[in-house]
Amino acid sequence: MSFRFDTNDKEVKYKILVYPNITFQQDLEKDSYVVVLGNIIKELSKIRNDLHWTILSPELIPSLQSDNTEQLIVPQLTYPNSMRMSFPFKEVMKVIDWKNSDYDIVYSHLPEHTGQLKNLLFNTTNISPTIIGYTHWTEFKK
């Protein structure tokens, strides 16, 4: 299942694939990753209208719906330690439609999976995006 955005209606300069780090699946709207990502999309949309976000999500997250986002549903383990140790290779490959979609940037919120995600894209597809890793747990003053 996916919720797609038709990019034919406007020019999109950068397509960003977002890999999640969800630790509070009981209420996704309160998960810190969802809150941070929603703010990033909102603020960047104020200064750029040519970004398209493809967000891998365990289910539809209403606060992340907008005209420049789509959500691709990828089931995730609910227990955080299990989730960090189990990369959903087959599920990601099924939904990203790599033969028809290209991504310029991968924005990963789960450091444990960033290397595996890069391997998946660079070694099994024709996609070679720039990888940006981010974790809001380890922000530094500088």
N, C-alpha and C. Protein backbone atom coordinates (compact mmCIF):
# COMPACT_ATOMS: atom_id res chain seq x y z
N MET A 1 0.85 -1.17 0.00
CA MET A 1 0.00 0.00 0.00
C MET A 1 0.89 1.23 0.00
N SER A 2 0.50 2.22 -0.78
CA SER A 2 1.26 3.46 -0.78
C SER A 2 0.32 4.63 -1.00
N PHE A 3 0.78 5.78 -0.62
CA PHE A 3 0.05 7.01 -0.82
C PHE A 3 0.96 7.89 -1.65
N ARG A 4 0.70 7.95 -2.93
CA ARG A 4 1.62 8.58 -3.86
C ARG A 4 1.21 10.00 -4.20
N PHE A 5 2.20 10.78 -4.51
CA PHE A 5 2.05 12.16 -4.93
C PHE A 5 2.35 12.21 -6.42
N ASP A 6 1.51 12.79 -7.21
CA ASP A 6 1.72 12.87 -8.65
C ASP A 6 2.66 14.03 -8.94
N THR A 7 3.90 13.71 -9.27
CA THR A 7 4.90 14.75 -9.52
C THR A 7 4.78 15.34 -10.91
N ASN A 8 3.83 14.85 -11.72
CA ASN A 8 3.67 15.39 -13.07
C ASN A 8 3.05 16.79 -13.04
N ASP A 9 2.41 17.16 -11.95
CA ASP A 9 1.75 18.45 -11.87
C ASP A 9 2.70 19.62 -11.65
N LYS A 10 3.85 19.35 -11.08
CA LYS A 10 4.81 20.43 -10.88
C LYS A 10 6.22 19.88 -10.96
N GLU A 11 7.14 20.78 -11.18
CA GLU A 11 8.53 20.37 -11.30
C GLU A 11 9.10 20.08 -9.91
N VAL A 12 9.71 18.92 -9.79
CA VAL A 12 10.34 18.53 -8.54
C VAL A 12 11.83 18.41 -8.81
N LYS A 13 12.62 19.17 -8.08
CA LYS A 13 14.06 19.16 -8.31
C LYS A 13 14.73 18.03 -7.54
N TYR A 14 14.28 17.80 -6.31
CA TYR A 14 14.90 16.77 -5.48
C TYR A 14 13.84 15.84 -4.92
N LYS A 15 14.08 14.54 -5.09
CA LYS A 15 13.23 13.53 -4.48
C LYS A 15 14.00 12.93 -3.30
N ILE A 16 13.38 12.97 -2.15
CA ILE A 16 14.02 12.54 -0.91
C ILE A 16 13.30 11.31 -0.38
N LEU A 17 14.04 10.25 -0.16
CA LEU A 17 13.50 9.04 0.46
C LEU A 17 13.85 9.09 1.94
N VAL A 18 12.84 8.99 2.79
CA VAL A 18 13.04 9.10 4.24
C VAL A 18 12.90 7.72 4.87
N TYR A 19 13.94 7.32 5.59
CA TYR A 19 13.91 6.05 6.31
C TYR A 19 13.67 6.34 7.79
N PRO A 20 12.66 5.71 8.39
CA PRO A 20 12.21 6.11 9.73
C PRO A 20 13.01 5.53 10.89
N ASN A 21 12.74 6.11 12.03
CA ASN A 21 13.18 5.57 13.31
C ASN A 21 12.02 5.79 14.28
N ILE A 22 11.11 4.86 14.28
CA ILE A 22 9.91 4.99 15.08
C ILE A 22 10.03 4.12 16.32
N THR A 23 9.91 4.75 17.46
CA THR A 23 10.04 4.00 18.72
C THR A 23 8.76 4.01 19.55
N PHE A 24 7.77 4.79 19.13
CA PHE A 24 6.54 4.89 19.90
C PHE A 24 5.36 4.61 18.97
N GLN A 25 5.20 3.34 18.59
CA GLN A 25 4.18 2.99 17.61
C GLN A 25 2.76 3.01 18.17
N GLN A 26 2.61 3.10 19.48
CA GLN A 26 1.26 3.17 20.06
C GLN A 26 0.53 4.43 19.60
N ASP A 27 1.26 5.52 19.40
CA ASP A 27 0.68 6.77 18.92
C ASP A 27 1.74 7.47 18.07
N LEU A 28 1.70 7.19 16.78
CA LEU A 28 2.75 7.70 15.88
C LEU A 28 2.85 9.21 15.87
N GLU A 29 1.74 9.88 16.07
CA GLU A 29 1.75 11.34 16.05
C GLU A 29 2.60 11.92 17.20
N LYS A 30 2.81 11.15 18.26
CA LYS A 30 3.61 11.62 19.40
C LYS A 30 5.06 11.13 19.35
N ASP A 31 5.38 10.29 18.37
CA ASP A 31 6.75 9.80 18.25
C ASP A 31 7.67 10.96 17.88
N SER A 32 8.82 11.04 18.53
CA SER A 32 9.72 12.19 18.32
C SER A 32 10.19 12.27 16.87
N TYR A 33 10.42 11.15 16.21
CA TYR A 33 10.82 11.15 14.79
C TYR A 33 9.75 11.82 13.94
N VAL A 34 8.48 11.48 14.16
CA VAL A 34 7.38 12.04 13.38
C VAL A 34 7.28 13.55 13.61
N VAL A 35 7.42 13.98 14.85
CA VAL A 35 7.36 15.40 15.17
C VAL A 35 8.51 16.16 14.49
N VAL A 36 9.73 15.63 14.61
CA VAL A 36 10.90 16.28 14.00
C VAL A 36 10.76 16.32 12.48
N LEU A 37 10.40 15.20 11.87
CA LEU A 37 10.27 15.15 10.41
C LEU A 37 9.18 16.10 9.92
N GLY A 38 8.06 16.13 10.61
CA GLY A 38 6.98 17.05 10.23
C GLY A 38 7.46 18.50 10.25
N ASN A 39 8.22 18.87 11.26
CA ASN A 39 8.75 20.24 11.36
C ASN A 39 9.76 20.52 10.24
N ILE A 40 10.60 19.55 9.93
CA ILE A 40 11.60 19.73 8.86
C ILE A 40 10.90 19.95 7.53
N ILE A 41 9.91 19.11 7.21
CA ILE A 41 9.19 19.25 5.95
C ILE A 41 8.48 20.60 5.88
N LYS A 42 7.82 20.97 6.97
CA LYS A 42 7.09 22.24 7.01
C LYS A 42 8.02 23.43 6.80
N GLU A 43 9.14 23.45 7.51
CA GLU A 43 10.05 24.59 7.41
C GLU A 43 10.77 24.64 6.06
N LEU A 44 11.21 23.50 5.54
CA LEU A 44 11.86 23.51 4.23
C LEU A 44 10.89 23.89 3.12
N SER A 45 9.62 23.53 3.29
CA SER A 45 8.61 23.88 2.29
C SER A 45 8.37 25.38 2.22
N LYS A 46 8.68 26.09 3.30
CA LYS A 46 8.53 27.55 3.30
C LYS A 46 9.58 28.22 2.41
N ILE A 47 10.74 27.57 2.26
CA ILE A 47 11.81 28.20 1.48
C ILE A 47 12.06 27.51 0.14
N ARG A 48 11.50 26.30 -0.06
CA ARG A 48 11.66 25.57 -1.32
C ARG A 48 10.35 24.89 -1.66
N ASN A 49 9.94 24.99 -2.90
CA ASN A 49 8.73 24.28 -3.31
C ASN A 49 9.04 23.18 -4.32
N ASP A 50 10.30 22.79 -4.42
CA ASP A 50 10.70 21.79 -5.40
C ASP A 50 11.22 20.50 -4.77
N LEU A 51 10.82 20.25 -3.52
CA LEU A 51 11.23 19.02 -2.82
C LEU A 51 10.04 18.07 -2.76
N HIS A 52 10.31 16.80 -2.98
CA HIS A 52 9.28 15.78 -2.82
C HIS A 52 9.82 14.74 -1.84
N TRP A 53 9.03 14.42 -0.84
CA TRP A 53 9.42 13.50 0.24
C TRP A 53 8.67 12.18 0.09
N THR A 54 9.39 11.09 -0.01
CA THR A 54 8.81 9.75 0.02
C THR A 54 9.19 9.16 1.37
N ILE A 55 8.19 8.94 2.20
CA ILE A 55 8.42 8.55 3.59
C ILE A 55 8.01 7.09 3.77
N LEU A 56 8.95 6.28 4.22
CA LEU A 56 8.63 4.90 4.56
C LEU A 56 7.98 4.92 5.95
N SER A 57 6.77 4.40 6.05
CA SER A 57 5.99 4.47 7.30
C SER A 57 5.36 3.12 7.60
N PRO A 58 5.20 2.79 8.88
CA PRO A 58 4.53 1.53 9.23
C PRO A 58 3.02 1.58 8.96
N GLU A 59 2.48 2.78 8.91
CA GLU A 59 1.07 3.02 8.56
C GLU A 59 0.94 4.49 8.20
N LEU A 60 -0.19 4.86 7.64
CA LEU A 60 -0.38 6.25 7.26
C LEU A 60 -0.31 7.15 8.49
N ILE A 61 0.50 8.19 8.41
CA ILE A 61 0.67 9.16 9.49
C ILE A 61 0.07 10.48 9.02
N PRO A 62 -1.12 10.84 9.51
CA PRO A 62 -1.82 12.02 9.00
C PRO A 62 -1.01 13.31 9.03
N SER A 63 -0.22 13.54 10.08
CA SER A 63 0.52 14.80 10.17
C SER A 63 1.62 14.91 9.12
N LEU A 64 1.99 13.82 8.47
CA LEU A 64 3.03 13.86 7.44
C LEU A 64 2.44 13.90 6.03
N GLN A 65 1.13 14.03 5.92
CA GLN A 65 0.49 14.13 4.61
C GLN A 65 0.50 15.58 4.15
N SER A 66 0.96 15.80 2.95
CA SER A 66 0.89 17.11 2.33
C SER A 66 1.04 16.93 0.83
N ASP A 67 0.97 18.05 0.08
CA ASP A 67 1.06 17.89 -1.37
C ASP A 67 2.46 17.57 -1.85
N ASN A 68 3.47 17.63 -1.02
CA ASN A 68 4.82 17.27 -1.46
C ASN A 68 5.35 16.02 -0.74
N THR A 69 4.44 15.21 -0.20
CA THR A 69 4.86 13.96 0.44
C THR A 69 4.04 12.79 -0.07
N GLU A 70 4.64 11.63 0.03
CA GLU A 70 3.92 10.38 -0.16
C GLU A 70 4.43 9.44 0.92
N GLN A 71 3.60 8.52 1.34
CA GLN A 71 4.00 7.55 2.34
C GLN A 71 3.88 6.15 1.75
N LEU A 72 4.97 5.41 1.84
CA LEU A 72 4.99 4.03 1.41
C LEU A 72 4.96 3.17 2.68
N ILE A 73 4.03 2.26 2.73
CA ILE A 73 3.83 1.48 3.95
C ILE A 73 4.80 0.30 3.98
N VAL A 74 5.63 0.29 5.04
CA VAL A 74 6.58 -0.79 5.29
C VAL A 74 6.39 -1.22 6.73
N PRO A 75 5.87 -2.44 6.96
CA PRO A 75 5.70 -2.90 8.35
C PRO A 75 7.03 -2.89 9.10
N GLN A 76 6.94 -2.51 10.37
CA GLN A 76 8.14 -2.48 11.20
C GLN A 76 7.87 -3.21 12.51
N LEU A 77 8.92 -3.79 13.03
CA LEU A 77 8.80 -4.40 14.35
C LEU A 77 8.50 -3.31 15.37
N THR A 78 7.73 -3.65 16.38
CA THR A 78 7.32 -2.61 17.33
C THR A 78 8.27 -2.45 18.51
N TYR A 79 8.97 -3.50 18.89
CA TYR A 79 9.89 -3.39 20.01
C TYR A 79 11.18 -2.73 19.52
N PRO A 80 11.58 -1.57 20.07
CA PRO A 80 12.71 -0.81 19.52
C PRO A 80 14.00 -1.62 19.34
N ASN A 81 14.37 -2.46 20.29
CA ASN A 81 15.61 -3.21 20.12
C ASN A 81 15.51 -4.21 18.97
N SER A 82 14.37 -4.84 18.80
CA SER A 82 14.17 -5.76 17.68
C SER A 82 14.18 -4.99 16.36
N MET A 83 13.53 -3.85 16.34
CA MET A 83 13.45 -3.04 15.13
C MET A 83 14.85 -2.61 14.67
N ARG A 84 15.70 -2.26 15.59
CA ARG A 84 17.05 -1.81 15.22
C ARG A 84 17.91 -2.93 14.66
N MET A 85 17.59 -4.17 15.01
CA MET A 85 18.40 -5.31 14.59
C MET A 85 17.86 -5.99 13.33
N SER A 86 16.68 -5.63 12.88
CA SER A 86 16.05 -6.32 11.76
C SER A 86 15.75 -5.34 10.64
N PHE A 87 16.56 -5.37 9.59
CA PHE A 87 16.37 -4.47 8.45
C PHE A 87 15.38 -5.11 7.47
N PRO A 88 14.28 -4.43 7.13
CA PRO A 88 13.24 -5.01 6.28
C PRO A 88 13.57 -4.93 4.78
N PHE A 89 14.63 -5.60 4.36
CA PHE A 89 15.12 -5.56 2.99
C PHE A 89 14.02 -5.84 1.96
N LYS A 90 13.34 -6.96 2.10
CA LYS A 90 12.32 -7.35 1.11
C LYS A 90 11.16 -6.36 1.06
N GLU A 91 10.74 -5.89 2.20
CA GLU A 91 9.62 -4.95 2.26
C GLU A 91 9.97 -3.61 1.61
N VAL A 92 11.18 -3.13 1.86
CA VAL A 92 11.62 -1.87 1.26
C VAL A 92 11.71 -2.03 -0.26
N MET A 93 12.30 -3.12 -0.72
CA MET A 93 12.43 -3.35 -2.16
C MET A 93 11.06 -3.40 -2.85
N LYS A 94 10.06 -3.94 -2.17
CA LYS A 94 8.73 -4.05 -2.77
C LYS A 94 8.08 -2.69 -2.99
N VAL A 95 8.32 -1.74 -2.11
CA VAL A 95 7.57 -0.48 -2.17
C VAL A 95 8.28 0.68 -2.85
N ILE A 96 9.60 0.66 -2.96
CA ILE A 96 10.28 1.86 -3.48
C ILE A 96 10.18 2.03 -4.99
N ASP A 97 9.75 1.01 -5.72
CA ASP A 97 9.57 1.12 -7.17
C ASP A 97 10.81 1.72 -7.83
N TRP A 98 11.96 1.13 -7.54
CA TRP A 98 13.23 1.69 -7.98
C TRP A 98 13.41 1.70 -9.50
N LYS A 99 12.66 0.89 -10.23
CA LYS A 99 12.79 0.89 -11.69
C LYS A 99 12.12 2.12 -12.31
N ASN A 100 11.16 2.69 -11.59
CA ASN A 100 10.44 3.85 -12.11
C ASN A 100 10.63 5.12 -11.29
N SER A 101 11.24 5.02 -10.14
CA SER A 101 11.46 6.17 -9.27
C SER A 101 12.93 6.28 -8.93
N ASP A 102 13.43 7.47 -8.96
CA ASP A 102 14.80 7.71 -8.56
C ASP A 102 14.75 8.64 -7.35
N TYR A 103 15.74 8.52 -6.50
CA TYR A 103 15.82 9.38 -5.32
C TYR A 103 17.17 10.08 -5.35
N ASP A 104 17.14 11.36 -5.10
CA ASP A 104 18.38 12.14 -5.08
C ASP A 104 19.06 12.07 -3.72
N ILE A 105 18.23 11.98 -2.69
CA ILE A 105 18.72 11.99 -1.31
C ILE A 105 18.00 10.92 -0.53
N VAL A 106 18.74 10.22 0.33
CA VAL A 106 18.13 9.35 1.34
C VAL A 106 18.39 10.01 2.68
N TYR A 107 17.33 10.25 3.41
CA TYR A 107 17.40 10.89 4.72
C TYR A 107 17.07 9.82 5.75
N SER A 108 18.08 9.33 6.43
CA SER A 108 17.89 8.20 7.34
C SER A 108 17.93 8.64 8.79
N HIS A 109 16.92 8.21 9.52
CA HIS A 109 16.83 8.52 10.95
C HIS A 109 17.24 7.35 11.82
N LEU A 110 17.70 6.26 11.21
CA LEU A 110 18.07 5.09 12.01
C LEU A 110 19.50 4.70 11.67
N PRO A 111 20.45 5.15 12.48
CA PRO A 111 21.86 4.89 12.18
C PRO A 111 22.18 3.41 11.97
N GLU A 112 21.52 2.53 12.71
CA GLU A 112 21.79 1.10 12.59
C GLU A 112 21.42 0.55 11.21
N HIS A 113 20.52 1.22 10.50
CA HIS A 113 20.09 0.73 9.20
C HIS A 113 20.63 1.52 8.01
N THR A 114 21.29 2.63 8.27
CA THR A 114 21.76 3.48 7.17
C THR A 114 22.73 2.73 6.25
N GLY A 115 23.68 2.02 6.80
CA GLY A 115 24.62 1.24 5.98
C GLY A 115 23.92 0.15 5.19
N GLN A 116 22.96 -0.51 5.80
CA GLN A 116 22.21 -1.55 5.09
C GLN A 116 21.35 -0.95 3.99
N LEU A 117 20.77 0.20 4.25
CA LEU A 117 19.97 0.88 3.24
C LEU A 117 20.84 1.30 2.06
N LYS A 118 22.02 1.81 2.35
CA LYS A 118 22.94 2.20 1.27
C LYS A 118 23.33 0.96 0.45
N ASN A 119 23.64 -0.14 1.11
CA ASN A 119 23.95 -1.38 0.39
C ASN A 119 22.80 -1.81 -0.49
N LEU A 120 21.60 -1.77 0.02
CA LEU A 120 20.42 -2.16 -0.74
C LEU A 120 20.32 -1.32 -2.01
N LEU A 121 20.40 -0.01 -1.89
CA LEU A 121 20.23 0.87 -3.04
C LEU A 121 21.39 0.80 -4.02
N PHE A 122 22.62 0.84 -3.53
CA PHE A 122 23.79 0.90 -4.40
C PHE A 122 24.11 -0.45 -5.04
N ASN A 123 23.76 -1.55 -4.38
CA ASN A 123 24.14 -2.88 -4.88
C ASN A 123 23.02 -3.65 -5.56
N THR A 124 21.77 -3.25 -5.37
CA THR A 124 20.68 -4.01 -5.97
C THR A 124 19.75 -3.17 -6.84
N THR A 125 20.03 -1.88 -6.98
CA THR A 125 19.20 -1.02 -7.82
C THR A 125 20.13 -0.13 -8.66
N ASN A 126 19.54 0.71 -9.48
CA ASN A 126 20.32 1.69 -10.24
C ASN A 126 20.30 3.06 -9.56
N ILE A 127 19.91 3.09 -8.29
CA ILE A 127 19.81 4.34 -7.54
C ILE A 127 21.09 4.56 -6.74
N SER A 128 21.67 5.75 -6.83
CA SER A 128 22.86 6.06 -6.04
C SER A 128 22.74 7.47 -5.44
N PRO A 129 21.81 7.62 -4.49
CA PRO A 129 21.57 8.94 -3.90
C PRO A 129 22.63 9.34 -2.89
N THR A 130 22.62 10.61 -2.56
CA THR A 130 23.41 11.11 -1.44
C THR A 130 22.70 10.64 -0.17
N ILE A 131 23.46 10.17 0.79
CA ILE A 131 22.89 9.67 2.04
C ILE A 131 23.13 10.71 3.13
N ILE A 132 22.05 11.10 3.79
CA ILE A 132 22.15 12.01 4.93
C ILE A 132 21.61 11.27 6.14
N GLY A 133 22.44 11.11 7.14
CA GLY A 133 22.01 10.45 8.37
C GLY A 133 21.75 11.49 9.44
N TYR A 134 20.72 11.25 10.22
CA TYR A 134 20.38 12.19 11.28
C TYR A 134 19.78 11.43 12.44
N THR A 135 20.20 11.77 13.62
CA THR A 135 19.56 11.26 14.82
C THR A 135 19.36 12.43 15.77
N HIS A 136 18.13 12.64 16.17
CA HIS A 136 17.85 13.76 17.07
C HIS A 136 18.18 13.41 18.52
N TRP A 137 18.64 12.21 18.76
CA TRP A 137 19.05 11.83 20.12
C TRP A 137 20.43 12.39 20.47
N THR A 138 21.21 12.69 19.47
CA THR A 138 22.60 13.09 19.73
C THR A 138 22.92 14.46 19.14
N GLU A 139 22.05 15.41 19.33
CA GLU A 139 22.34 16.76 18.86
C GLU A 139 23.38 17.38 19.78
N PHE A 140 24.28 18.13 19.19
CA PHE A 140 25.34 18.78 19.93
C PHE A 140 25.19 20.29 19.81
N LYS A 141 25.64 21.00 20.82
CA LYS A 141 25.50 22.46 20.80
C LYS A 141 26.21 23.09 19.62
N LYS A 142 27.35 22.53 19.22
CA LYS A 142 28.10 23.08 18.09
C LYS A 142 27.55 22.45 16.84
